[in-house]
């Protein structure tokens, strides 16, 4: 299986089994090995007591982007450490797009940036994630 097809199959399989990403309403826009672009709309039920999106929503979108991008090579990868900086407030109705950038890919560790933007192309958050790359595969190798 070529690398692009493998990336698409891994993300499709992960998304099908990921009830939380489905609840968020995540749509996969683009997939390449080591990178994904995801999109979602913030719903009223995702806001906090200040009527802005709960920080966990942007974090969860970025975490899903990290998971899909880092697993796209076919090896099961798990988050070791993540952090996020919130730059601009998000409200219900905002459309968020998360795009990954692979910074480093080693045999055991991968490091990624995720930029989250709103429908006005304003950066609303930046996220950095480090993953541990196990030796387990998503699909059996022929």
C-alpha atoms as a PDB file:
ATOM      1  CA  UNK A   1       0.000   0.000   0.000  1.00  0.00           C
ATOM      2  CA  UNK A   2       1.457   3.409  -0.885  1.00  0.00           C
ATOM      3  CA  UNK A   3       2.056   5.999   1.861  1.00  0.00           C
ATOM      4  CA  UNK A   4      -0.825   8.287   0.847  1.00  0.00           C
ATOM      5  CA  UNK A   5      -3.360   5.453   0.748  1.00  0.00           C
ATOM      6  CA  UNK A   6      -2.099   4.164   4.102  1.00  0.00           C
ATOM      7  CA  UNK A   7      -2.512   7.626   5.664  1.00  0.00           C
ATOM      8  CA  UNK A   8      -6.071   7.883   4.319  1.00  0.00           C
ATOM      9  CA  UNK A   9      -6.975   4.383   5.545  1.00  0.00           C
ATOM     10  CA  UNK A  10      -5.538   4.983   9.030  1.00  0.00           C
ATOM     11  CA  UNK A  11      -7.394   8.285   9.488  1.00  0.00           C
ATOM     12  CA  UNK A  12     -10.634   6.782   8.144  1.00  0.00           C
ATOM     13  CA  UNK A  13     -10.333   3.842  10.572  1.00  0.00           C
ATOM     14  CA  UNK A  14      -9.476   6.085  13.521  1.00  0.00           C
ATOM     15  CA  UNK A  15     -12.317   8.503  12.772  1.00  0.00           C
ATOM     16  CA  UNK A  16     -14.817   5.646  12.484  1.00  0.00           C
ATOM     17  CA  UNK A  17     -13.842   4.443  15.986  1.00  0.00           C
ATOM     18  CA  UNK A  18     -13.541   7.912  17.589  1.00  0.00           C
ATOM     19  CA  UNK A  19     -16.883   8.774  19.188  1.00  0.00           C
ATOM     20  CA  UNK A  20     -15.546  12.009  20.702  1.00  0.00           C
ATOM     21  CA  UNK A  21     -14.236  13.401  17.396  1.00  0.00           C
ATOM     22  CA  UNK A  22     -17.585  12.456  15.880  1.00  0.00           C
ATOM     23  CA  UNK A  23     -19.421  14.267  18.707  1.00  0.00           C
ATOM     24  CA  UNK A  24     -17.272  17.339  18.077  1.00  0.00           C
ATOM     25  CA  UNK A  25     -18.490  17.249  14.470  1.00  0.00           C
ATOM     26  CA  UNK A  26     -14.991  17.035  13.030  1.00  0.00           C
ATOM     27  CA  UNK A  27     -14.702  16.843   9.263  1.00  0.00           C
ATOM     28  CA  UNK A  28     -11.447  15.629   7.725  1.00  0.00           C
ATOM     29  CA  UNK A  29     -10.477  18.106   4.994  1.00  0.00           C
ATOM     30  CA  UNK A  30      -7.021  16.892   3.951  1.00  0.00           C
ATOM     31  CA  UNK A  31      -4.702  14.007   4.753  1.00  0.00           C
ATOM     32  CA  UNK A  32      -1.091  13.429   3.779  1.00  0.00           C
ATOM     33  CA  UNK A  33       1.487  11.322   5.610  1.00  0.00           C
ATOM     34  CA  UNK A  34       2.306  13.273   8.770  1.00  0.00           C
ATOM     35  CA  UNK A  35      -0.311  15.968   8.264  1.00  0.00           C
ATOM     36  CA  UNK A  36      -4.042  16.543   8.441  1.00  0.00           C
ATOM     37  CA  UNK A  37      -6.443  19.426   8.222  1.00  0.00           C
ATOM     38  CA  UNK A  38      -9.654  19.164  10.249  1.00  0.00           C
ATOM     39  CA  UNK A  39     -12.689  21.435  10.439  1.00  0.00           C
ATOM     40  CA  UNK A  40     -15.553  21.781  12.915  1.00  0.00           C
ATOM     41  CA  UNK A  41     -18.273  24.221  13.940  1.00  0.00           C
ATOM     42  CA  UNK A  42     -18.530  25.325  17.565  1.00  0.00           C
ATOM     43  CA  UNK A  43     -22.021  24.643  18.918  1.00  0.00           C
ATOM     44  CA  UNK A  44     -23.814  26.461  21.752  1.00  0.00           C
ATOM     45  CA  UNK A  45     -23.474  23.366  23.948  1.00  0.00           C
ATOM     46  CA  UNK A  46     -19.686  23.767  23.733  1.00  0.00           C
ATOM     47  CA  UNK A  47     -19.636  27.164  25.467  1.00  0.00           C
ATOM     48  CA  UNK A  48     -18.817  27.927  29.088  1.00  0.00           C
ATOM     49  CA  UNK A  49     -20.306  30.337  31.634  1.00  0.00           C
ATOM     50  CA  UNK A  50     -18.798  33.315  29.795  1.00  0.00           C
ATOM     51  CA  UNK A  51     -20.610  32.312  26.578  1.00  0.00           C
ATOM     52  CA  UNK A  52     -17.305  31.525  24.853  1.00  0.00           C
ATOM     53  CA  UNK A  53     -16.112  28.134  23.720  1.00  0.00           C
ATOM     54  CA  UNK A  54     -14.742  25.979  26.516  1.00  0.00           C
ATOM     55  CA  UNK A  55     -10.959  25.723  26.122  1.00  0.00           C
ATOM     56  CA  UNK A  56     -11.277  21.970  25.966  1.00  0.00           C
ATOM     57  CA  UNK A  57     -13.008  22.239  22.598  1.00  0.00           C
ATOM     58  CA  UNK A  58     -10.016  23.815  20.807  1.00  0.00           C
ATOM     59  CA  UNK A  59      -7.674  21.504  22.727  1.00  0.00           C
ATOM     60  CA  UNK A  60      -9.697  18.462  21.684  1.00  0.00           C
ATOM     61  CA  UNK A  61      -9.760  19.520  18.028  1.00  0.00           C
ATOM     62  CA  UNK A  62      -5.967  19.947  18.108  1.00  0.00           C
ATOM     63  CA  UNK A  63      -5.532  16.643  19.959  1.00  0.00           C
ATOM     64  CA  UNK A  64      -7.530  14.856  17.251  1.00  0.00           C
ATOM     65  CA  UNK A  65      -5.393  16.521  14.570  1.00  0.00           C
ATOM     66  CA  UNK A  66      -2.253  15.385  16.415  1.00  0.00           C
ATOM     67  CA  UNK A  67      -3.569  11.832  16.706  1.00  0.00           C
ATOM     68  CA  UNK A  68      -4.555  11.549  13.051  1.00  0.00           C
ATOM     69  CA  UNK A  69      -1.328  13.115  11.740  1.00  0.00           C
ATOM     70  CA  UNK A  70       1.034  11.134  13.968  1.00  0.00           C
ATOM     71  CA  UNK A  71      -0.713   7.821  13.282  1.00  0.00           C
ATOM     72  CA  UNK A  72      -0.922   8.381   9.523  1.00  0.00           C
ATOM     73  CA  UNK A  73       2.290   6.438   8.887  1.00  0.00           C
ATOM     74  CA  UNK A  74       0.558   3.285  10.097  1.00  0.00           C
ATOM     75  CA  UNK A  75       2.293   2.956  13.470  1.00  0.00           C
ATOM     76  CA  UNK A  76       0.195   3.449  16.580  1.00  0.00           C
ATOM     77  CA  UNK A  77       1.317   6.706  18.204  1.00  0.00           C
ATOM     78  CA  UNK A  78       0.201   7.999  21.592  1.00  0.00           C
ATOM     79  CA  UNK A  79       0.451  11.478  23.096  1.00  0.00           C
ATOM     80  CA  UNK A  80       3.214  12.015  25.637  1.00  0.00           C
ATOM     81  CA  UNK A  81       2.821  15.732  26.216  1.00  0.00           C
ATOM     82  CA  UNK A  82       0.608  18.465  24.766  1.00  0.00           C
ATOM     83  CA  UNK A  83       0.235  22.169  25.424  1.00  0.00           C
ATOM     84  CA  UNK A  84      -1.912  24.925  23.981  1.00  0.00           C
ATOM     85  CA  UNK A  85      -1.881  28.711  23.899  1.00  0.00           C
ATOM     86  CA  UNK A  86      -5.244  30.416  23.457  1.00  0.00           C
ATOM     87  CA  UNK A  87      -4.892  33.587  21.397  1.00  0.00           C
ATOM     88  CA  UNK A  88      -8.406  34.716  20.514  1.00  0.00           C
ATOM     89  CA  UNK A  89     -11.832  33.910  21.941  1.00  0.00           C
ATOM     90  CA  UNK A  90     -14.156  31.503  20.157  1.00  0.00           C
ATOM     91  CA  UNK A  91     -17.949  31.650  20.266  1.00  0.00           C
ATOM     92  CA  UNK A  92     -20.814  29.440  19.129  1.00  0.00           C
ATOM     93  CA  UNK A  93     -21.107  29.449  15.357  1.00  0.00           C
ATOM     94  CA  UNK A  94     -17.383  29.875  14.762  1.00  0.00           C
ATOM     95  CA  UNK A  95     -15.885  27.474  12.236  1.00  0.00           C
ATOM     96  CA  UNK A  96     -12.491  26.188  13.348  1.00  0.00           C
ATOM     97  CA  UNK A  97      -9.815  24.668  11.140  1.00  0.00           C
ATOM     98  CA  UNK A  98      -6.861  22.782  12.626  1.00  0.00           C
ATOM     99  CA  UNK A  99      -3.770  22.190  10.497  1.00  0.00           C
ATOM    100  CA  UNK A 100      -0.793  20.107  11.594  1.00  0.00           C
ATOM    101  CA  UNK A 101       2.878  20.650  10.898  1.00  0.00           C
ATOM    102  CA  UNK A 102       5.271  17.800  11.568  1.00  0.00           C
ATOM    103  CA  UNK A 103       8.383  19.215  13.223  1.00  0.00           C
ATOM    104  CA  UNK A 104      10.280  16.007  13.935  1.00  0.00           C
ATOM    105  CA  UNK A 105       9.727  12.326  13.237  1.00  0.00           C
ATOM    106  CA  UNK A 106      12.031   9.791  14.831  1.00  0.00           C
ATOM    107  CA  UNK A 107      11.802   6.080  15.395  1.00  0.00           C
ATOM    108  CA  UNK A 108      10.201   6.560  18.827  1.00  0.00           C
ATOM    109  CA  UNK A 109       9.178  10.238  19.123  1.00  0.00           C
ATOM    110  CA  UNK A 110       7.293  12.656  16.883  1.00  0.00           C
ATOM    111  CA  UNK A 111       6.718  16.376  17.481  1.00  0.00           C
ATOM    112  CA  UNK A 112       3.918  18.375  15.866  1.00  0.00           C
ATOM    113  CA  UNK A 113       2.506  21.884  15.832  1.00  0.00           C
ATOM    114  CA  UNK A 114      -1.198  22.410  15.281  1.00  0.00           C
ATOM    115  CA  UNK A 115      -2.527  25.824  14.317  1.00  0.00           C
ATOM    116  CA  UNK A 116      -6.229  26.475  14.840  1.00  0.00           C
ATOM    117  CA  UNK A 117      -7.848  29.249  12.838  1.00  0.00           C
ATOM    118  CA  UNK A 118     -11.382  30.601  12.663  1.00  0.00           C
ATOM    119  CA  UNK A 119     -13.516  31.399   9.622  1.00  0.00           C
ATOM    120  CA  UNK A 120     -11.859  34.846   9.362  1.00  0.00           C
ATOM    121  CA  UNK A 121      -8.379  33.243   9.092  1.00  0.00           C
ATOM    122  CA  UNK A 122      -7.512  34.523  12.571  1.00  0.00           C
ATOM    123  CA  UNK A 123      -5.282  32.212  14.592  1.00  0.00           C
ATOM    124  CA  UNK A 124      -7.247  31.361  17.730  1.00  0.00           C
ATOM    125  CA  UNK A 125      -4.820  28.858  19.286  1.00  0.00           C
ATOM    126  CA  UNK A 126      -1.472  27.163  18.811  1.00  0.00           C
ATOM    127  CA  UNK A 127      -0.819  23.657  20.094  1.00  0.00           C
ATOM    128  CA  UNK A 128       2.342  21.579  20.404  1.00  0.00           C
ATOM    129  CA  UNK A 129       2.169  17.819  20.796  1.00  0.00           C
ATOM    130  CA  UNK A 130       4.770  15.127  21.345  1.00  0.00           C
ATOM    131  CA  UNK A 131       3.910  11.500  20.651  1.00  0.00           C
ATOM    132  CA  UNK A 132       5.448   8.136  21.395  1.00  0.00           C
ATOM    133  CA  UNK A 133       5.555   5.929  18.296  1.00  0.00           C
ATOM    134  CA  UNK A 134       4.951   2.303  19.281  1.00  0.00           C
ATOM    135  CA  UNK A 135       6.014  -0.630  17.148  1.00  0.00           C
ATOM    136  CA  UNK A 136       2.363  -1.699  16.750  1.00  0.00           C
ATOM    137  CA  UNK A 137       0.744  -1.233  13.355  1.00  0.00           C
ATOM    138  CA  UNK A 138      -2.802  -0.159  12.526  1.00  0.00           C
ATOM    139  CA  UNK A 139      -2.916  -2.761   9.772  1.00  0.00           C
ATOM    140  CA  UNK A 140      -1.012  -6.015   9.297  1.00  0.00           C
ATOM    141  CA  UNK A 141       1.998  -5.616   7.040  1.00  0.00           C
ATOM    142  CA  UNK A 142       2.196  -7.957   4.069  1.00  0.00           C
END
